[in-house]
Every structure is written in C-alpha cells, then in structure tokens.
Amino acid sequence: MTETTTSTTRVRDGSSTRDAIVAAATRLMQVKGYTATSLDDVLRETGVGKGSFYHFFRSKEELGHAILDTIVRAFIARTVDPCFSAAAVKPMTQIRCFLDRVVETQRAGNCVGGCPLGNLASELSDVHEGFRERLAEVFSTWRARLTRALEQAQQRGEVREECRPESVAHFVVALLEGAILMAKVTKDIRVMEQCVEELKRYLAIYEIEAR
C-alpha cells in the first residue's frame, strides 16, 4: 500500500488508518500485553508505515491512551448505557442487566482476553503512573454508576437502609474483575456465570420485596 500522511488514508478493510492502528494494537495488546507489543508489531498488523503512524500518534504511550479511550467508549456503549439509561427501569433491574451483559461479553469472546481494563491495570499500574491514574479514574466512574443506582434504589424504598451503596459497588466491581480473570484462566464461562449468580443472590439480601 502506498503510504500517505493524510487522515483520509484507507486500509483494505475500509476503516480509517487511525482506527485501523488502534484496532490492531488493541487486539495485539489484549493477547501480548502493552509492554510486549512493539510498534513494529502494530505496523506489520496494519500494513502502514511509520510516517502514517507518527502522523496520528506521537508515541506508543499516546497510542495506549487512545486504546484505553476506545475500550472505555465501547464498554459504556455496549454494556453500561443499554442498562442504566432506561430511567423507567428499576435500579436493581438495571444492575442485574449490567451483570448479565458482562457475562455475555465474556461468553461471546470465548473467555479469551479477559477484561481489557483489568489487563492494563495489572500490567501498568505499578510501572506507569499516567496509565494508573487514567485506569483508576475509569474504575471510579464504573463504581460511581453502580453506587448511584443503589442510592436511587434506597430512595425508592427498594433497598434496605443497611446497604452501603459505595461499599457494595466496590465489592461488585472487584468480584466481576476476579470472575473475569478466573473465566480467562479456566476458559470456562460457567465460572463466570456461577460468580455472577452468587453476586445476584448477595444483592437480593438488600432488596425489599414489593407488597
């Protein structure tokens, strides 16, 4: 392919060059990790030259931030928004919807790759402060959304007062990340399903039955 530095460059699959670079790097890093994935690996995967790459990204670190932003947007669009955007749906139903979507994502991927956010967090949090801060912000946003749903459920009289929304939200995120890791290691979606079913039973302890 003839190399060019314009943003309208196209690759064989019709995607923009920038999007193709991000997509290829995401696939590679999900399998090999951020550190083990080299710029040459990404260029070979996409077929673009270094000139095109440096037109869009000043460094591998900048590419990493673009990947993280893409992962977050996809997670929100496919998993968070479909469940939490429906104002007419009860908050606890929204949370269960979210849990089911997380399981479905792992099932669709055959338990390969695990959680991209969790993978980056475990690899980079101790060695790259910039990524650690961004990842911490992402997980905080995730916990905050669950906390808000639990608080709304309390306000509606659907969840008991002894429920501590922020603590429960922390627990939900931690359990999901652990369950995803176990499913990745065992390559068995039933591990994920069992963990989520137990999590649903835990949440049900706080729910107030409608009369």
C-alpha atoms as a PDB file:
ATOM      1  CA  MET A   1       0.000   0.000   0.000  1.00  0.00           C
ATOM      2  CA  THR A   2       1.264   3.473  -0.846  1.00  0.00           C
ATOM      3  CA  GLU A   3       1.974   5.415   2.326  1.00  0.00           C
ATOM      4  CA  THR A   4       0.375   8.790   2.890  1.00  0.00           C
ATOM      5  CA  THR A   5       0.028  11.069   5.927  1.00  0.00           C
ATOM      6  CA  THR A   6      -3.481  12.359   5.350  1.00  0.00           C
ATOM      7  CA  SER A   7      -6.289  11.468   7.743  1.00  0.00           C
ATOM      8  CA  THR A   8      -8.325  10.144   4.808  1.00  0.00           C
ATOM      9  CA  THR A   9      -5.920   7.256   4.213  1.00  0.00           C
ATOM     10  CA  ARG A  10      -7.806   3.986   3.859  1.00  0.00           C
ATOM     11  CA  VAL A  11      -6.717   0.420   4.524  1.00  0.00           C
ATOM     12  CA  ARG A  12      -8.036  -2.730   2.953  1.00  0.00           C
ATOM     13  CA  ASP A  13     -10.973  -3.172   5.299  1.00  0.00           C
ATOM     14  CA  GLY A  14     -12.199   0.364   4.584  1.00  0.00           C
ATOM     15  CA  SER A  15     -11.556   1.737   8.058  1.00  0.00           C
ATOM     16  CA  SER A  16      -9.590   4.921   8.540  1.00  0.00           C
ATOM     17  CA  THR A  17      -5.869   4.433   9.100  1.00  0.00           C
ATOM     18  CA  ARG A  18      -6.055   5.781  12.639  1.00  0.00           C
ATOM     19  CA  ASP A  19      -8.914   3.483  13.585  1.00  0.00           C
ATOM     20  CA  ALA A  20      -7.122   0.548  11.964  1.00  0.00           C
ATOM     21  CA  ILE A  21      -3.974   1.233  14.001  1.00  0.00           C
ATOM     22  CA  VAL A  22      -5.955   1.450  17.238  1.00  0.00           C
ATOM     23  CA  ALA A  23      -7.933  -1.708  16.451  1.00  0.00           C
ATOM     24  CA  ALA A  24      -4.811  -3.696  15.544  1.00  0.00           C
ATOM     25  CA  ALA A  25      -2.896  -2.524  18.599  1.00  0.00           C
ATOM     26  CA  THR A  26      -5.865  -3.346  20.834  1.00  0.00           C
ATOM     27  CA  ARG A  27      -6.007  -6.913  19.504  1.00  0.00           C
ATOM     28  CA  LEU A  28      -2.266  -7.399  19.932  1.00  0.00           C
ATOM     29  CA  MET A  29      -2.086  -5.883  23.401  1.00  0.00           C
ATOM     30  CA  GLN A  30      -5.038  -7.914  24.616  1.00  0.00           C
ATOM     31  CA  VAL A  31      -3.062 -11.078  23.833  1.00  0.00           C
ATOM     32  CA  LYS A  32       0.575 -10.000  24.350  1.00  0.00           C
ATOM     33  CA  GLY A  33       0.196  -7.094  26.749  1.00  0.00           C
ATOM     34  CA  TYR A  34       1.162  -3.449  26.334  1.00  0.00           C
ATOM     35  CA  THR A  35       4.873  -3.845  27.072  1.00  0.00           C
ATOM     36  CA  ALA A  36       5.435  -6.866  24.831  1.00  0.00           C
ATOM     37  CA  THR A  37       3.646  -5.299  21.856  1.00  0.00           C
ATOM     38  CA  SER A  38       6.117  -3.297  19.793  1.00  0.00           C
ATOM     39  CA  LEU A  39       5.465  -0.551  17.280  1.00  0.00           C
ATOM     40  CA  ASP A  40       6.778  -2.883  14.557  1.00  0.00           C
ATOM     41  CA  ASP A  41       4.165  -5.451  15.599  1.00  0.00           C
ATOM     42  CA  VAL A  42       1.415  -2.888  15.099  1.00  0.00           C
ATOM     43  CA  LEU A  43       2.792  -1.715  11.756  1.00  0.00           C
ATOM     44  CA  ARG A  44       3.021  -5.282  10.453  1.00  0.00           C
ATOM     45  CA  GLU A  45      -0.544  -5.964  11.557  1.00  0.00           C
ATOM     46  CA  THR A  46      -1.934  -2.913   9.761  1.00  0.00           C
ATOM     47  CA  GLY A  47       0.441  -2.662   6.811  1.00  0.00           C
ATOM     48  CA  VAL A  48       1.002   1.080   7.326  1.00  0.00           C
ATOM     49  CA  GLY A  49       4.385   2.776   7.543  1.00  0.00           C
ATOM     50  CA  LYS A  50       5.955   4.738  10.346  1.00  0.00           C
ATOM     51  CA  GLY A  51       5.130   8.010   8.620  1.00  0.00           C
ATOM     52  CA  SER A  52       1.428   7.262   8.834  1.00  0.00           C
ATOM     53  CA  PHE A  53       1.736   6.110  12.435  1.00  0.00           C
ATOM     54  CA  TYR A  54       3.538   9.256  13.603  1.00  0.00           C
ATOM     55  CA  HIS A  55       1.018  11.413  11.785  1.00  0.00           C
ATOM     56  CA  PHE A  56      -1.643  10.123  14.156  1.00  0.00           C
ATOM     57  CA  PHE A  57       0.350   9.271  17.308  1.00  0.00           C
ATOM     58  CA  ARG A  58       3.444  10.906  18.720  1.00  0.00           C
ATOM     59  CA  SER A  59       4.413   7.821  20.713  1.00  0.00           C
ATOM     60  CA  LYS A  60       3.389   4.342  21.792  1.00  0.00           C
ATOM     61  CA  GLU A  61       2.132   5.903  25.015  1.00  0.00           C
ATOM     62  CA  GLU A  62      -0.227   8.168  23.103  1.00  0.00           C
ATOM     63  CA  LEU A  63      -1.463   5.132  21.192  1.00  0.00           C
ATOM     64  CA  GLY A  64      -2.018   3.385  24.532  1.00  0.00           C
ATOM     65  CA  HIS A  65      -4.198   6.249  25.742  1.00  0.00           C
ATOM     66  CA  ALA A  66      -6.196   6.107  22.502  1.00  0.00           C
ATOM     67  CA  ILE A  67      -6.702   2.373  23.012  1.00  0.00           C
ATOM     68  CA  LEU A  68      -7.863   2.924  26.577  1.00  0.00           C
ATOM     69  CA  ASP A  69     -10.328   5.611  25.462  1.00  0.00           C
ATOM     70  CA  THR A  70     -11.668   3.288  22.751  1.00  0.00           C
ATOM     71  CA  ILE A  71     -12.113   0.422  25.217  1.00  0.00           C
ATOM     72  CA  VAL A  72     -13.944   2.690  27.655  1.00  0.00           C
ATOM     73  CA  ARG A  73     -16.279   4.071  24.979  1.00  0.00           C
ATOM     74  CA  ALA A  74     -17.099   0.563  23.766  1.00  0.00           C
ATOM     75  CA  PHE A  75     -17.721  -0.661  27.323  1.00  0.00           C
ATOM     76  CA  ILE A  76     -20.086   2.235  28.015  1.00  0.00           C
ATOM     77  CA  ALA A  77     -21.903   1.911  24.683  1.00  0.00           C
ATOM     78  CA  ARG A  78     -22.354  -1.876  24.764  1.00  0.00           C
ATOM     79  CA  THR A  79     -22.621  -2.670  28.457  1.00  0.00           C
ATOM     80  CA  VAL A  80     -23.348   0.361  30.639  1.00  0.00           C
ATOM     81  CA  ASP A  81     -25.673   2.645  28.660  1.00  0.00           C
ATOM     82  CA  PRO A  82     -28.111  -0.052  27.446  1.00  0.00           C
ATOM     83  CA  CYS A  83     -28.830  -0.958  31.074  1.00  0.00           C
ATOM     84  CA  PHE A  84     -28.526   2.283  33.019  1.00  0.00           C
ATOM     85  CA  SER A  85     -30.026   4.724  30.514  1.00  0.00           C
ATOM     86  CA  ALA A  86     -33.575   3.408  30.893  1.00  0.00           C
ATOM     87  CA  ALA A  87     -34.956   5.720  33.579  1.00  0.00           C
ATOM     88  CA  ALA A  88     -38.240   3.808  33.811  1.00  0.00           C
ATOM     89  CA  VAL A  89     -36.455   0.593  34.783  1.00  0.00           C
ATOM     90  CA  LYS A  90     -35.900  -0.100  38.486  1.00  0.00           C
ATOM     91  CA  PRO A  91     -32.285   0.500  39.606  1.00  0.00           C
ATOM     92  CA  MET A  92     -31.775  -3.082  40.803  1.00  0.00           C
ATOM     93  CA  THR A  93     -33.063  -4.356  37.468  1.00  0.00           C
ATOM     94  CA  GLN A  94     -30.550  -2.071  35.775  1.00  0.00           C
ATOM     95  CA  ILE A  95     -27.742  -3.600  37.830  1.00  0.00           C
ATOM     96  CA  ARG A  96     -28.825  -7.145  37.007  1.00  0.00           C
ATOM     97  CA  CYS A  97     -28.988  -6.192  33.331  1.00  0.00           C
ATOM     98  CA  PHE A  98     -25.437  -4.880  33.597  1.00  0.00           C
ATOM     99  CA  LEU A  99     -24.207  -8.086  35.231  1.00  0.00           C
ATOM    100  CA  ASP A 100     -25.818 -10.175  32.503  1.00  0.00           C
ATOM    101  CA  ARG A 101     -24.174  -8.079  29.795  1.00  0.00           C
ATOM    102  CA  VAL A 102     -20.749  -8.532  31.360  1.00  0.00           C
ATOM    103  CA  VAL A 103     -21.270 -12.305  31.304  1.00  0.00           C
ATOM    104  CA  GLU A 104     -22.496 -12.189  27.717  1.00  0.00           C
ATOM    105  CA  THR A 105     -19.394 -10.253  26.650  1.00  0.00           C
ATOM    106  CA  GLN A 106     -17.144 -12.960  28.073  1.00  0.00           C
ATOM    107  CA  ARG A 107     -19.285 -15.685  26.520  1.00  0.00           C
ATOM    108  CA  ALA A 108     -19.120 -14.018  23.108  1.00  0.00           C
ATOM    109  CA  GLY A 109     -15.343 -13.829  23.368  1.00  0.00           C
ATOM    110  CA  ASN A 110     -14.999 -17.471  24.457  1.00  0.00           C
ATOM    111  CA  CYS A 111     -13.313 -16.281  27.664  1.00  0.00           C
ATOM    112  CA  VAL A 112     -10.283 -15.125  25.650  1.00  0.00           C
ATOM    113  CA  GLY A 113      -8.516 -11.906  26.626  1.00  0.00           C
ATOM    114  CA  GLY A 114     -10.360 -11.248  29.865  1.00  0.00           C
ATOM    115  CA  CYS A 115     -11.140  -7.658  30.796  1.00  0.00           C
ATOM    116  CA  PRO A 116      -9.024  -5.199  28.761  1.00  0.00           C
ATOM    117  CA  LEU A 117      -9.199  -2.645  31.578  1.00  0.00           C
ATOM    118  CA  GLY A 118      -8.204  -5.214  34.176  1.00  0.00           C
ATOM    119  CA  ASN A 119      -5.362  -6.459  31.987  1.00  0.00           C
ATOM    120  CA  LEU A 120      -3.938  -2.962  31.582  1.00  0.00           C
ATOM    121  CA  ALA A 121      -4.392  -2.235  35.284  1.00  0.00           C
ATOM    122  CA  SER A 122      -2.489  -5.343  36.378  1.00  0.00           C
ATOM    123  CA  GLU A 123       0.323  -4.741  33.901  1.00  0.00           C
ATOM    124  CA  LEU A 124       0.853  -0.990  34.097  1.00  0.00           C
ATOM    125  CA  SER A 125      -0.392   0.362  37.425  1.00  0.00           C
ATOM    126  CA  ASP A 126       2.975  -0.181  39.153  1.00  0.00           C
ATOM    127  CA  VAL A 127       5.161   0.943  36.255  1.00  0.00           C
ATOM    128  CA  HIS A 128       3.319   3.774  34.511  1.00  0.00           C
ATOM    129  CA  GLU A 129       1.724   6.494  36.600  1.00  0.00           C
ATOM    130  CA  GLY A 130      -0.150   8.079  33.713  1.00  0.00           C
ATOM    131  CA  PHE A 131      -1.947   4.862  32.857  1.00  0.00           C
ATOM    132  CA  ARG A 132      -2.548   4.102  36.535  1.00  0.00           C
ATOM    133  CA  GLU A 133      -4.287   7.436  37.046  1.00  0.00           C
ATOM    134  CA  ARG A 134      -6.430   7.030  33.927  1.00  0.00           C
ATOM    135  CA  LEU A 135      -7.398   3.472  34.839  1.00  0.00           C
ATOM    136  CA  ALA A 136      -8.203   4.498  38.408  1.00  0.00           C
ATOM    137  CA  GLU A 137     -10.493   7.188  37.005  1.00  0.00           C
ATOM    138  CA  VAL A 138     -12.241   4.665  34.772  1.00  0.00           C
ATOM    139  CA  PHE A 139     -12.868   2.197  37.595  1.00  0.00           C
ATOM    140  CA  SER A 140     -14.049   5.052  39.826  1.00  0.00           C
ATOM    141  CA  THR A 141     -16.577   6.078  37.185  1.00  0.00           C
ATOM    142  CA  TRP A 142     -17.787   2.476  36.928  1.00  0.00           C
ATOM    143  CA  ARG A 143     -18.183   2.204  40.715  1.00  0.00           C
ATOM    144  CA  ALA A 144     -19.893   5.594  40.851  1.00  0.00           C
ATOM    145  CA  ARG A 145     -22.547   4.450  38.369  1.00  0.00           C
ATOM    146  CA  LEU A 146     -23.306   1.371  40.458  1.00  0.00           C
ATOM    147  CA  THR A 147     -23.291   3.457  43.643  1.00  0.00           C
ATOM    148  CA  ARG A 148     -25.809   5.865  42.148  1.00  0.00           C
ATOM    149  CA  ALA A 149     -28.133   3.031  41.140  1.00  0.00           C
ATOM    150  CA  LEU A 150     -28.028   1.584  44.662  1.00  0.00           C
ATOM    151  CA  GLU A 151     -28.662   5.012  46.196  1.00  0.00           C
ATOM    152  CA  GLN A 152     -31.641   5.510  43.889  1.00  0.00           C
ATOM    153  CA  ALA A 153     -32.984   2.109  44.908  1.00  0.00           C
ATOM    154  CA  GLN A 154     -32.724   3.134  48.571  1.00  0.00           C
ATOM    155  CA  GLN A 155     -34.520   6.392  47.881  1.00  0.00           C
ATOM    156  CA  ARG A 156     -37.323   4.470  46.176  1.00  0.00           C
ATOM    157  CA  GLY A 157     -37.636   2.171  49.191  1.00  0.00           C
ATOM    158  CA  GLU A 158     -36.473  -0.856  47.202  1.00  0.00           C
ATOM    159  CA  VAL A 159     -33.203  -1.458  49.064  1.00  0.00           C
ATOM    160  CA  ARG A 160     -32.657  -1.712  52.821  1.00  0.00           C
ATOM    161  CA  GLU A 161     -31.019   1.115  54.747  1.00  0.00           C
ATOM    162  CA  GLU A 162     -28.202  -1.147  55.951  1.00  0.00           C
ATOM    163  CA  CYS A 163     -26.941  -1.398  52.392  1.00  0.00           C
ATOM    164  CA  ARG A 164     -23.895   0.840  51.958  1.00  0.00           C
ATOM    165  CA  PRO A 165     -24.030   1.733  48.244  1.00  0.00           C
ATOM    166  CA  GLU A 166     -20.408   2.761  47.806  1.00  0.00           C
ATOM    167  CA  SER A 167     -19.033  -0.305  49.606  1.00  0.00           C
ATOM    168  CA  VAL A 168     -21.358  -2.628  47.730  1.00  0.00           C
ATOM    169  CA  ALA A 169     -20.356  -1.035  44.419  1.00  0.00           C
ATOM    170  CA  HIS A 170     -16.677  -1.603  45.263  1.00  0.00           C
ATOM    171  CA  PHE A 171     -17.482  -5.243  46.014  1.00  0.00           C
ATOM    172  CA  VAL A 172     -19.403  -5.703  42.751  1.00  0.00           C
ATOM    173  CA  VAL A 173     -16.542  -4.331  40.644  1.00  0.00           C
ATOM    174  CA  ALA A 174     -13.930  -6.384  42.491  1.00  0.00           C
ATOM    175  CA  LEU A 175     -15.944  -9.593  42.187  1.00  0.00           C
ATOM    176  CA  LEU A 176     -16.614  -9.065  38.483  1.00  0.00           C
ATOM    177  CA  GLU A 177     -12.942  -8.444  37.742  1.00  0.00           C
ATOM    178  CA  GLY A 178     -11.991 -11.558  39.689  1.00  0.00           C
ATOM    179  CA  ALA A 179     -14.658 -13.615  37.945  1.00  0.00           C
ATOM    180  CA  ILE A 180     -13.474 -12.447  34.519  1.00  0.00           C
ATOM    181  CA  LEU A 181      -9.909 -13.405  35.423  1.00  0.00           C
ATOM    182  CA  MET A 182     -10.991 -16.867  36.579  1.00  0.00           C
ATOM    183  CA  ALA A 183     -13.003 -17.396  33.385  1.00  0.00           C
ATOM    184  CA  LYS A 184      -9.956 -16.356  31.356  1.00  0.00           C
ATOM    185  CA  VAL A 185      -7.685 -18.792  33.203  1.00  0.00           C
ATOM    186  CA  THR A 186     -10.107 -21.743  33.128  1.00  0.00           C
ATOM    187  CA  LYS A 187     -11.584 -20.942  29.699  1.00  0.00           C
ATOM    188  CA  ASP A 188     -14.919 -21.913  31.234  1.00  0.00           C
ATOM    189  CA  ILE A 189     -17.809 -19.447  31.068  1.00  0.00           C
ATOM    190  CA  ARG A 190     -19.586 -21.435  33.789  1.00  0.00           C
ATOM    191  CA  VAL A 191     -17.125 -19.994  36.306  1.00  0.00           C
ATOM    192  CA  MET A 192     -18.254 -16.502  35.360  1.00  0.00           C
ATOM    193  CA  GLU A 193     -21.917 -17.497  35.387  1.00  0.00           C
ATOM    194  CA  GLN A 194     -21.652 -19.039  38.854  1.00  0.00           C
ATOM    195  CA  CYS A 195     -19.895 -15.995  40.286  1.00  0.00           C
ATOM    196  CA  VAL A 196     -22.485 -13.621  38.873  1.00  0.00           C
ATOM    197  CA  GLU A 197     -25.370 -15.754  40.126  1.00  0.00           C
ATOM    198  CA  GLU A 198     -23.853 -15.666  43.619  1.00  0.00           C
ATOM    199  CA  LEU A 199     -23.426 -11.906  43.290  1.00  0.00           C
ATOM    200  CA  LYS A 200     -27.105 -11.558  42.382  1.00  0.00           C
ATOM    201  CA  ARG A 201     -28.044 -13.570  45.466  1.00  0.00           C
ATOM    202  CA  TYR A 202     -25.858 -11.292  47.574  1.00  0.00           C
ATOM    203  CA  LEU A 203     -27.565  -8.188  46.186  1.00  0.00           C
ATOM    204  CA  ALA A 204     -31.001  -9.728  46.767  1.00  0.00           C
ATOM    205  CA  ILE A 205     -30.275  -9.747  50.513  1.00  0.00           C
ATOM    206  CA  TYR A 206     -30.637  -5.975  50.487  1.00  0.00           C
ATOM    207  CA  GLU A 207     -33.756  -5.827  48.365  1.00  0.00           C
ATOM    208  CA  ILE A 208     -37.134  -5.092  49.909  1.00  0.00           C
ATOM    209  CA  GLU A 209     -39.927  -7.206  48.484  1.00  0.00           C
ATOM    210  CA  ALA A 210     -42.779  -5.198  46.993  1.00  0.00           C
ATOM    211  CA  ARG A 211     -46.081  -5.622  48.779  1.00  0.00           C
END
